[in-house]
Amino acid sequence: MSENLTKVTFLEKVFNYEQNKEWKYNRELPIVVDFWAPWCGPCRIVGPVIDELSKEYQGKVNFYKVNTEEEHELAAVFGIQSIPSLLFIPKERKPMMAVGALPKDTLKQIIDKELLSDGSHDEHGHHLHDHNGHEHGCDRC
């Protein structure tokens, strides 16, 4: 199962943006963060898929969820304007953001290519955008 994060647990488990201005990720496993809200229909479709993927990739990728209704600051820090938004955090590269209710197969392709290998394009040639301050309003990543 994916784990719900608050600001405090996000700072501990993902990235402490209060102490670091530059993106710094030094965890053992890559991460997928699902930004969602209870009223969002597409989020209710993606949520169970994220839970399934967390079981399939157990020990390889950590999956977290952030309720944007409860965690306004986290949503603002990452420039979340549409949900669901998925933040893919590889171990050694900058994070990437995808927006929308992507199908499970597409999510698996992104995880396999972007988090578990050394690629910058998915299997269909789609380029995932690096998450940086200029594109998403986050001056800390």
C-alpha atoms as a PDB file:
ATOM      1  CA  MET A   1       0.000   0.000   0.000  1.00  0.00           C
ATOM      2  CA  SER A   2       1.079   3.520  -0.639  1.00  0.00           C
ATOM      3  CA  GLU A   3       1.587   5.756   2.374  1.00  0.00           C
ATOM      4  CA  ASN A   4      -0.183   9.071   2.925  1.00  0.00           C
ATOM      5  CA  LEU A   5       2.208  11.925   3.601  1.00  0.00           C
ATOM      6  CA  THR A   6       1.814  15.105   5.577  1.00  0.00           C
ATOM      7  CA  LYS A   7       4.235  18.008   5.296  1.00  0.00           C
ATOM      8  CA  VAL A   8       6.232  16.617   8.235  1.00  0.00           C
ATOM      9  CA  THR A   9       6.546  13.110   6.792  1.00  0.00           C
ATOM     10  CA  PHE A  10       7.245  14.507   3.310  1.00  0.00           C
ATOM     11  CA  LEU A  11      10.158  16.516   4.710  1.00  0.00           C
ATOM     12  CA  GLU A  12      11.488  13.367   6.421  1.00  0.00           C
ATOM     13  CA  LYS A  13      10.949  10.775   3.691  1.00  0.00           C
ATOM     14  CA  VAL A  14      11.163  12.665   0.394  1.00  0.00           C
ATOM     15  CA  PHE A  15      12.791  16.093   0.407  1.00  0.00           C
ATOM     16  CA  ASN A  16      13.370  18.729   3.055  1.00  0.00           C
ATOM     17  CA  TYR A  17      12.693  21.863   1.024  1.00  0.00           C
ATOM     18  CA  GLU A  18      12.907  24.003   4.165  1.00  0.00           C
ATOM     19  CA  GLN A  19      16.594  23.170   4.647  1.00  0.00           C
ATOM     20  CA  ASN A  20      17.705  22.659   1.038  1.00  0.00           C
ATOM     21  CA  LYS A  21      17.262  25.169  -1.765  1.00  0.00           C
ATOM     22  CA  GLU A  22      18.731  22.794  -4.384  1.00  0.00           C
ATOM     23  CA  TRP A  23      17.097  19.442  -5.104  1.00  0.00           C
ATOM     24  CA  LYS A  24      18.811  16.795  -2.996  1.00  0.00           C
ATOM     25  CA  TYR A  25      17.592  13.227  -2.894  1.00  0.00           C
ATOM     26  CA  ASN A  26      19.554  10.631  -0.990  1.00  0.00           C
ATOM     27  CA  ARG A  27      17.134   7.805  -0.323  1.00  0.00           C
ATOM     28  CA  GLU A  28      17.660   4.152  -1.082  1.00  0.00           C
ATOM     29  CA  LEU A  29      14.705   3.741  -3.475  1.00  0.00           C
ATOM     30  CA  PRO A  30      13.099   5.944  -6.132  1.00  0.00           C
ATOM     31  CA  ILE A  31       9.706   7.425  -5.303  1.00  0.00           C
ATOM     32  CA  VAL A  32       6.325   8.104  -6.896  1.00  0.00           C
ATOM     33  CA  VAL A  33       4.189  10.768  -5.188  1.00  0.00           C
ATOM     34  CA  ASP A  34       0.491  10.965  -6.114  1.00  0.00           C
ATOM     35  CA  PHE A  35      -0.991  14.436  -5.487  1.00  0.00           C
ATOM     36  CA  TRP A  36      -4.758  13.955  -5.214  1.00  0.00           C
ATOM     37  CA  ALA A  37      -7.978  15.166  -3.552  1.00  0.00           C
ATOM     38  CA  PRO A  38     -11.050  13.246  -2.351  1.00  0.00           C
ATOM     39  CA  TRP A  39     -13.466  15.184  -4.613  1.00  0.00           C
ATOM     40  CA  CYS A  40     -11.420  14.460  -7.771  1.00  0.00           C
ATOM     41  CA  GLY A  41     -12.982  11.732  -9.951  1.00  0.00           C
ATOM     42  CA  PRO A  42      -9.825  10.903 -11.931  1.00  0.00           C
ATOM     43  CA  CYS A  43      -7.897  10.736  -8.630  1.00  0.00           C
ATOM     44  CA  ARG A  44     -10.273   8.012  -7.439  1.00  0.00           C
ATOM     45  CA  ILE A  45      -9.336   6.029 -10.550  1.00  0.00           C
ATOM     46  CA  VAL A  46      -5.567   6.527 -10.153  1.00  0.00           C
ATOM     47  CA  GLY A  47      -5.499   5.881  -6.383  1.00  0.00           C
ATOM     48  CA  PRO A  48      -6.199   2.126  -6.526  1.00  0.00           C
ATOM     49  CA  VAL A  49      -3.731   1.778  -9.436  1.00  0.00           C
ATOM     50  CA  ILE A  50      -1.030   3.434  -7.303  1.00  0.00           C
ATOM     51  CA  ASP A  51      -1.837   0.959  -4.513  1.00  0.00           C
ATOM     52  CA  GLU A  52      -1.531  -1.975  -6.962  1.00  0.00           C
ATOM     53  CA  LEU A  53       1.791  -0.646  -8.283  1.00  0.00           C
ATOM     54  CA  SER A  54       3.096  -0.212  -4.741  1.00  0.00           C
ATOM     55  CA  LYS A  55       2.590  -3.955  -4.224  1.00  0.00           C
ATOM     56  CA  GLU A  56       4.075  -4.897  -7.610  1.00  0.00           C
ATOM     57  CA  TYR A  57       7.169  -2.712  -7.088  1.00  0.00           C
ATOM     58  CA  GLN A  58       7.565  -3.407  -3.358  1.00  0.00           C
ATOM     59  CA  GLY A  59      11.236  -3.172  -2.420  1.00  0.00           C
ATOM     60  CA  LYS A  60      12.064  -1.357  -5.692  1.00  0.00           C
ATOM     61  CA  VAL A  61      10.028   1.896  -5.572  1.00  0.00           C
ATOM     62  CA  ASN A  62       8.300   3.708  -2.695  1.00  0.00           C
ATOM     63  CA  PHE A  63       4.821   5.109  -3.346  1.00  0.00           C
ATOM     64  CA  TYR A  64       3.309   8.008  -1.437  1.00  0.00           C
ATOM     65  CA  LYS A  65       0.103  10.051  -1.624  1.00  0.00           C
ATOM     66  CA  VAL A  66      -0.432  13.703  -0.754  1.00  0.00           C
ATOM     67  CA  ASN A  67      -3.990  14.940  -0.207  1.00  0.00           C
ATOM     68  CA  THR A  68      -3.853  18.445  -1.683  1.00  0.00           C
ATOM     69  CA  GLU A  69      -6.958  19.481   0.282  1.00  0.00           C
ATOM     70  CA  GLU A  70      -5.100  18.885   3.547  1.00  0.00           C
ATOM     71  CA  GLU A  71      -1.545  19.709   2.442  1.00  0.00           C
ATOM     72  CA  HIS A  72      -1.857  23.075   0.687  1.00  0.00           C
ATOM     73  CA  GLU A  73       1.794  23.976   1.257  1.00  0.00           C
ATOM     74  CA  LEU A  74       3.107  20.803  -0.396  1.00  0.00           C
ATOM     75  CA  ALA A  75       0.839  21.362  -3.382  1.00  0.00           C
ATOM     76  CA  ALA A  76       2.061  24.959  -3.663  1.00  0.00           C
ATOM     77  CA  VAL A  77       5.745  24.045  -3.316  1.00  0.00           C
ATOM     78  CA  PHE A  78       5.450  21.665  -6.273  1.00  0.00           C
ATOM     79  CA  GLY A  79       3.205  23.968  -8.303  1.00  0.00           C
ATOM     80  CA  ILE A  80       0.308  21.529  -8.392  1.00  0.00           C
ATOM     81  CA  GLN A  81      -2.470  23.144 -10.421  1.00  0.00           C
ATOM     82  CA  SER A  82      -4.191  20.043 -11.818  1.00  0.00           C
ATOM     83  CA  ILE A  83      -4.790  16.711 -10.164  1.00  0.00           C
ATOM     84  CA  PRO A  84      -4.010  13.944 -10.252  1.00  0.00           C
ATOM     85  CA  SER A  85      -0.364  14.931 -10.588  1.00  0.00           C
ATOM     86  CA  LEU A  86       2.339  12.334 -10.205  1.00  0.00           C
ATOM     87  CA  LEU A  87       5.858  13.221  -9.144  1.00  0.00           C
ATOM     88  CA  PHE A  88       8.450  10.651 -10.237  1.00  0.00           C
ATOM     89  CA  ILE A  89      11.680  10.890  -8.256  1.00  0.00           C
ATOM     90  CA  PRO A  90      14.609   8.858  -9.579  1.00  0.00           C
ATOM     91  CA  LYS A  91      17.568   8.182  -7.308  1.00  0.00           C
ATOM     92  CA  GLU A  92      20.112  10.200  -9.263  1.00  0.00           C
ATOM     93  CA  ARG A  93      18.276  12.648 -11.520  1.00  0.00           C
ATOM     94  CA  LYS A  94      15.859  15.507 -11.024  1.00  0.00           C
ATOM     95  CA  PRO A  95      12.201  14.715 -10.389  1.00  0.00           C
ATOM     96  CA  MET A  96       9.672  14.633 -13.224  1.00  0.00           C
ATOM     97  CA  MET A  97       5.966  15.462 -13.158  1.00  0.00           C
ATOM     98  CA  ALA A  98       3.098  13.898 -15.084  1.00  0.00           C
ATOM     99  CA  VAL A  99      -0.450  15.261 -14.936  1.00  0.00           C
ATOM    100  CA  GLY A 100      -3.659  13.337 -15.482  1.00  0.00           C
ATOM    101  CA  ALA A 101      -5.143   9.903 -14.924  1.00  0.00           C
ATOM    102  CA  LEU A 102      -2.561   7.831 -16.766  1.00  0.00           C
ATOM    103  CA  PRO A 103      -3.343   4.143 -17.401  1.00  0.00           C
ATOM    104  CA  LYS A 104      -1.550   1.505 -15.352  1.00  0.00           C
ATOM    105  CA  ASP A 105       0.504   0.294 -18.346  1.00  0.00           C
ATOM    106  CA  THR A 106       1.747   3.828 -18.992  1.00  0.00           C
ATOM    107  CA  LEU A 107       2.659   4.290 -15.329  1.00  0.00           C
ATOM    108  CA  LYS A 108       4.567   0.991 -15.374  1.00  0.00           C
ATOM    109  CA  GLN A 109       6.473   2.086 -18.487  1.00  0.00           C
ATOM    110  CA  ILE A 110       7.409   5.386 -16.845  1.00  0.00           C
ATOM    111  CA  ILE A 111       8.499   3.651 -13.628  1.00  0.00           C
ATOM    112  CA  ASP A 112      10.543   1.046 -15.493  1.00  0.00           C
ATOM    113  CA  LYS A 113      12.183   3.564 -17.823  1.00  0.00           C
ATOM    114  CA  GLU A 114      12.580   6.634 -15.595  1.00  0.00           C
ATOM    115  CA  LEU A 115      13.002   5.193 -12.113  1.00  0.00           C
ATOM    116  CA  LEU A 116      14.502   1.752 -12.628  1.00  0.00           C
ATOM    117  CA  SER A 117      16.735   2.452 -15.642  1.00  0.00           C
ATOM    118  CA  ASP A 118      18.741   5.377 -16.996  1.00  0.00           C
ATOM    119  CA  GLY A 119      16.326   6.827 -19.595  1.00  0.00           C
ATOM    120  CA  SER A 120      14.779  10.208 -20.224  1.00  0.00           C
ATOM    121  CA  HIS A 121      11.984   9.149 -22.596  1.00  0.00           C
ATOM    122  CA  ASP A 122       9.213   6.643 -22.103  1.00  0.00           C
ATOM    123  CA  GLU A 123       8.675   3.688 -24.433  1.00  0.00           C
ATOM    124  CA  HIS A 124       6.484   5.774 -26.735  1.00  0.00           C
ATOM    125  CA  GLY A 125       9.050   8.537 -27.066  1.00  0.00           C
ATOM    126  CA  HIS A 126       7.220  10.896 -24.685  1.00  0.00           C
ATOM    127  CA  HIS A 127       9.591  13.150 -22.826  1.00  0.00           C
ATOM    128  CA  LEU A 128       8.791  13.691 -19.180  1.00  0.00           C
ATOM    129  CA  HIS A 129       9.513  17.210 -18.058  1.00  0.00           C
ATOM    130  CA  ASP A 130      12.169  17.715 -15.443  1.00  0.00           C
ATOM    131  CA  HIS A 131      10.602  19.289 -12.415  1.00  0.00           C
ATOM    132  CA  ASN A 132      12.262  22.657 -11.905  1.00  0.00           C
ATOM    133  CA  GLY A 133      11.378  26.051 -10.512  1.00  0.00           C
ATOM    134  CA  HIS A 134      10.759  27.726 -13.849  1.00  0.00           C
ATOM    135  CA  GLU A 135       8.234  25.233 -15.184  1.00  0.00           C
ATOM    136  CA  HIS A 136       6.291  24.461 -12.027  1.00  0.00           C
ATOM    137  CA  GLY A 137       6.808  27.390  -9.691  1.00  0.00           C
ATOM    138  CA  CYS A 138       9.048  25.468  -7.316  1.00  0.00           C
ATOM    139  CA  ASP A 139      12.195  27.341  -6.469  1.00  0.00           C
ATOM    140  CA  ARG A 140      13.522  24.557  -4.307  1.00  0.00           C
ATOM    141  CA  CYS A 141      13.830  21.657  -6.770  1.00  0.00           C
END
